[in-house]
Amino acid sequence: MSIDIPPNQTLYVNNLNEKVKKEELKRSLYAIFSQFGPILDIIAMKTLKMRGQAFVVFEDISSATNALRAMQGFPFYEKPMKIAYCKSKSDAVAKKDGTFVPREKKVREKRKPDEAPKPKPSKKHVPAVSEAAPPAPAGGASFGMPHATSNQEELPNKILFLTNLPEETTELMLSMLFNQFPAYKEVRLVPGRHDIAFVEFESEMQAATARNSLNGFKITPTHQMNIAFAKK
């Protein structure tokens, strides 16, 4: 249980849907976890041993702790996530604080006498999802930052208009992001347009809460989502 493991910048996430492709899984994990603070790395592998599991590496322990408390049991691709602190320090954190030591190679394959040793390919490091992200503002989370607004005052609406969405955006990805807010109803994508979408709530007040929290949220490291009230 996570209670026996000391707090860590790295979270171990399991009970993930094994049918989701690795790259989509990493993008979706980034989308829902980056609201808690800057992410250094997301590690997900499709090997038999690591299937249904991932590691989310935060820049600081407080962000990881907030994410663990808020997202424990969160329905992610129709399965409740199980989250715990990782038992050891991740490579990304070790490299950042200067304590990284390359691991010893495991037992080498036996080779015939006089056979030259075959050069082993270096173990590829899973690229950090957030490597391309610009520095996060002081204080942690990248969401809820004040965003440039037009001089014209927007009229509240229970429907939100989302722009600047990345090409890989899916209805499920947006749904997971917005259904953490009370009275969420649905996401509507626009056929033929990957960069815009609509999100509907039960009331204008609840839509405003979601807008204030997620306007400017980086749904990927290079796409900062813009949210406005839909025109009536």
Protein backbone atom coordinates (compact mmCIF):
# COMPACT_ATOMS: atom_id res chain seq x y z
CA MET A 1 0.00 0.00 0.00
CA SER A 2 1.11 3.55 -0.73
CA ILE A 3 0.88 4.40 2.99
CA ASP A 4 3.99 2.28 3.68
CA ILE A 5 6.04 3.94 0.96
CA PRO A 6 7.49 7.42 1.59
CA PRO A 7 6.31 10.25 -0.70
CA ASN A 8 8.08 10.31 -4.04
CA GLN A 9 8.12 12.57 -7.10
CA THR A 10 7.27 9.49 -9.18
CA LEU A 11 3.84 7.87 -9.12
CA TYR A 12 3.23 4.25 -10.03
CA VAL A 13 -0.10 3.92 -11.88
CA ASN A 14 -1.67 0.56 -12.62
CA ASN A 15 -4.97 -1.08 -13.55
CA LEU A 16 -4.75 0.78 -16.87
CA ASN A 17 -6.66 -0.37 -19.93
CA GLU A 18 -4.27 -2.66 -21.81
CA LYS A 19 -5.99 -2.10 -25.16
CA VAL A 20 -4.92 1.56 -25.35
CA LYS A 21 -1.89 2.20 -27.59
CA LYS A 22 1.26 3.34 -25.81
CA GLU A 23 1.52 6.80 -27.38
CA GLU A 24 -2.18 7.54 -26.82
CA LEU A 25 -1.85 6.35 -23.22
CA LYS A 26 1.11 8.68 -22.58
CA ARG A 27 -0.68 11.67 -24.16
CA SER A 28 -3.81 11.02 -22.08
CA LEU A 29 -1.83 10.58 -18.86
CA TYR A 30 -0.03 13.85 -19.55
CA ALA A 31 -3.35 15.61 -20.23
CA ILE A 32 -4.92 14.61 -16.92
CA PHE A 33 -1.85 14.73 -14.64
CA SER A 34 -0.14 17.93 -15.83
CA GLN A 35 -2.84 20.01 -14.12
CA PHE A 36 -1.10 19.19 -10.81
CA GLY A 37 2.36 20.45 -11.77
CA PRO A 38 5.26 20.17 -14.22
CA ILE A 39 5.90 16.63 -15.44
CA LEU A 40 9.47 15.47 -16.15
CA ASP A 41 8.64 12.14 -17.74
CA ILE A 42 5.93 9.58 -18.41
CA ILE A 43 7.03 5.97 -18.81
CA ALA A 44 4.68 3.41 -20.30
CA MET A 45 5.75 0.15 -21.92
CA LYS A 46 3.76 -2.52 -23.70
CA THR A 47 5.91 -5.47 -22.60
CA LEU A 48 4.05 -8.37 -20.99
CA LYS A 49 5.50 -7.52 -17.57
CA MET A 50 4.66 -3.79 -17.78
CA ARG A 51 1.28 -3.98 -19.51
CA GLY A 52 -1.44 -1.93 -17.81
CA GLN A 53 1.11 0.09 -15.83
CA ALA A 54 2.87 3.45 -16.12
CA PHE A 55 5.08 5.85 -14.17
CA VAL A 56 4.37 9.58 -13.97
CA VAL A 57 7.39 11.64 -12.87
CA PHE A 58 6.68 15.07 -11.38
CA GLU A 59 9.15 17.87 -10.75
CA ASP A 60 8.33 17.97 -7.04
CA ILE A 61 6.79 15.76 -4.34
CA SER A 62 3.90 18.13 -3.52
CA SER A 63 2.61 17.93 -7.10
CA ALA A 64 2.84 14.13 -7.02
CA THR A 65 1.02 14.02 -3.67
CA ASN A 66 -1.81 16.25 -4.91
CA ALA A 67 -2.15 14.12 -8.04
CA LEU A 68 -2.23 10.87 -6.04
CA ARG A 69 -4.98 12.15 -3.73
CA ALA A 70 -7.10 13.68 -6.49
CA MET A 71 -6.79 10.96 -9.14
CA GLN A 72 -6.94 7.79 -7.00
CA GLY A 73 -9.74 5.67 -8.49
CA PHE A 74 -10.29 8.10 -11.38
CA PRO A 75 -12.12 6.31 -14.26
CA PHE A 76 -9.49 6.25 -17.01
CA TYR A 77 -10.53 4.48 -20.21
CA GLU A 78 -13.35 2.80 -18.28
CA LYS A 79 -11.07 1.44 -15.52
CA PRO A 80 -10.41 3.03 -12.10
CA MET A 81 -6.74 3.98 -11.77
CA LYS A 82 -4.73 2.61 -8.84
CA ILE A 83 -1.96 5.01 -7.83
CA ALA A 84 0.91 4.70 -5.36
CA TYR A 85 4.24 6.37 -4.74
CA CYS A 86 7.07 4.67 -6.61
CA LYS A 87 9.46 2.71 -4.37
CA SER A 88 12.60 4.22 -5.93
CA LYS A 89 13.80 7.44 -7.52
CA SER A 90 13.24 7.63 -11.28
CA ASP A 91 16.10 8.17 -13.74
CA ALA A 92 14.61 11.52 -14.79
CA VAL A 93 14.73 12.82 -11.20
CA ALA A 94 18.23 11.38 -10.60
CA LYS A 95 19.55 13.06 -13.74
CA LYS A 96 17.98 16.34 -12.66
CA ASP A 97 19.48 16.31 -9.16
CA GLY A 98 22.86 14.92 -10.27
CA THR A 99 22.63 11.55 -8.50
CA PHE A 100 22.09 9.40 -11.59
CA VAL A 101 24.33 6.33 -11.82
CA PRO A 102 24.08 4.11 -14.93
CA ARG A 103 22.85 0.64 -14.04
CA GLU A 104 25.08 -2.41 -14.38
CA LYS A 105 24.29 -4.57 -17.36
CA LYS A 106 22.52 -7.80 -16.47
CA VAL A 107 24.05 -11.23 -17.08
CA ARG A 108 25.47 -11.34 -20.59
CA GLU A 109 24.53 -13.99 -23.08
CA LYS A 110 26.91 -16.95 -23.19
CA ARG A 111 29.05 -17.00 -26.30
CA LYS A 112 31.23 -19.57 -27.92
CA PRO A 113 35.01 -19.48 -27.32
CA ASP A 114 36.91 -17.16 -29.67
CA GLU A 115 33.65 -15.48 -30.67
CA ALA A 116 33.95 -11.73 -30.55
CA PRO A 117 31.52 -10.10 -28.14
CA LYS A 118 28.56 -8.58 -29.94
CA PRO A 119 28.05 -4.89 -29.24
CA LYS A 120 24.87 -4.48 -27.25
CA PRO A 121 22.60 -1.63 -28.29
CA SER A 122 22.30 0.94 -25.54
CA LYS A 123 19.03 0.85 -23.69
CA LYS A 124 16.77 3.48 -25.12
CA HIS A 125 15.45 5.92 -22.60
CA VAL A 126 11.73 6.60 -22.95
CA PRO A 127 11.54 10.23 -24.07
CA ALA A 128 9.96 12.63 -21.62
CA VAL A 129 6.52 13.69 -22.80
CA SER A 130 7.10 17.18 -21.50
CA GLU A 131 10.60 17.77 -22.87
CA ALA A 132 9.33 20.29 -25.39
CA ALA A 133 7.21 22.16 -22.87
CA PRO A 134 8.27 25.71 -22.03
CA PRO A 135 9.20 26.36 -18.38
CA ALA A 136 6.16 26.21 -16.13
CA PRO A 137 5.34 29.30 -14.08
CA ALA A 138 6.50 29.36 -10.46
CA GLY A 139 4.07 27.69 -8.12
CA GLY A 140 3.49 24.45 -9.99
CA ALA A 141 0.41 23.69 -12.02
CA SER A 142 0.24 24.86 -15.59
CA PHE A 143 -3.53 25.11 -15.62
CA GLY A 144 -5.76 27.97 -14.57
CA MET A 145 -3.25 30.63 -15.61
CA PRO A 146 -4.81 33.95 -16.68
CA HIS A 147 -5.19 33.98 -20.42
CA ALA A 148 -5.29 36.88 -22.83
CA THR A 149 -8.89 37.92 -23.38
CA SER A 150 -10.46 40.32 -25.83
CA ASN A 151 -11.68 43.71 -24.71
CA GLN A 152 -15.24 42.64 -25.43
CA GLU A 153 -16.84 41.11 -22.33
CA GLU A 154 -17.90 37.50 -22.88
CA LEU A 155 -21.45 36.53 -21.96
CA PRO A 156 -21.62 33.43 -19.72
CA ASN A 157 -22.91 30.24 -21.31
CA LYS A 158 -23.26 26.66 -20.11
CA ILE A 159 -21.47 25.62 -23.32
CA LEU A 160 -17.72 26.20 -23.61
CA PHE A 161 -15.87 26.67 -26.89
CA LEU A 162 -12.39 25.07 -27.00
CA THR A 163 -9.73 26.12 -29.50
CA ASN A 164 -6.05 25.35 -30.25
CA LEU A 165 -6.50 21.63 -29.64
CA PRO A 166 -3.82 19.24 -30.96
CA GLU A 167 -4.48 16.95 -33.90
CA GLU A 168 -4.54 13.83 -31.73
CA THR A 169 -7.37 15.15 -29.52
CA THR A 170 -10.14 12.62 -28.92
CA GLU A 171 -13.57 12.92 -27.34
CA LEU A 172 -12.46 10.55 -24.58
CA MET A 173 -9.37 12.62 -23.78
CA LEU A 174 -11.43 15.80 -23.35
CA SER A 175 -14.13 13.95 -21.43
CA MET A 176 -11.56 12.69 -18.89
CA LEU A 177 -10.29 16.23 -18.48
CA PHE A 178 -13.69 17.88 -17.92
CA ASN A 179 -15.70 15.22 -16.10
CA GLN A 180 -13.80 16.00 -12.89
CA PHE A 181 -16.03 19.10 -12.64
CA PRO A 182 -19.59 18.82 -11.25
CA ALA A 183 -22.53 18.87 -13.68
CA TYR A 184 -20.43 17.99 -16.74
CA LYS A 185 -22.72 16.80 -19.56
CA GLU A 186 -20.82 16.05 -22.76
CA VAL A 187 -18.05 16.87 -25.25
CA ARG A 188 -18.87 17.54 -28.89
CA LEU A 189 -16.17 17.44 -31.53
CA VAL A 190 -16.60 19.26 -34.84
CA PRO A 191 -16.41 16.95 -37.92
CA GLY A 192 -13.48 17.86 -40.13
CA ARG A 193 -11.88 20.11 -37.47
CA HIS A 194 -9.44 18.63 -34.97
CA ASP A 195 -8.56 21.97 -33.34
CA ILE A 196 -11.94 22.96 -31.88
CA ALA A 197 -14.63 21.38 -29.67
CA PHE A 198 -17.59 22.21 -27.44
CA VAL A 199 -18.12 21.12 -23.82
CA GLU A 200 -21.53 21.41 -22.19
CA PHE A 201 -22.40 21.71 -18.47
CA GLU A 202 -25.71 21.80 -16.61
CA SER A 203 -25.39 25.49 -15.78
CA GLU A 204 -23.43 28.63 -16.65
CA MET A 205 -21.85 28.74 -13.18
CA GLN A 206 -20.43 25.23 -13.47
CA ALA A 207 -19.17 25.93 -16.99
CA ALA A 208 -17.45 29.07 -15.67
CA THR A 209 -15.70 27.04 -12.94
CA ALA A 210 -14.28 24.61 -15.52
CA ARG A 211 -13.28 27.49 -17.80
CA ASN A 212 -11.44 29.31 -15.01
CA SER A 213 -9.57 26.15 -14.04
CA LEU A 214 -8.58 24.85 -17.47
CA ASN A 215 -8.21 27.94 -19.66
CA GLY A 216 -4.59 27.93 -20.83
CA PHE A 217 -4.11 24.28 -19.82
CA LYS A 218 -1.42 22.52 -21.88
CA ILE A 219 -3.24 19.51 -23.27
CA THR A 220 0.13 18.55 -24.83
CA PRO A 221 3.51 20.20 -24.28
CA THR A 222 3.04 22.33 -27.42
CA HIS A 223 -0.70 23.08 -27.38
CA GLN A 224 -2.18 25.44 -24.81
CA MET A 225 -5.94 25.03 -24.87
CA ASN A 226 -8.01 28.22 -25.09
CA ILE A 227 -11.51 28.19 -23.59
CA ALA A 228 -14.24 30.74 -24.13
CA PHE A 229 -17.99 30.79 -23.56
CA ALA A 230 -19.79 29.74 -26.74
CA LYS A 231 -21.73 32.58 -28.36
CA LYS A 232 -25.45 32.43 -27.73
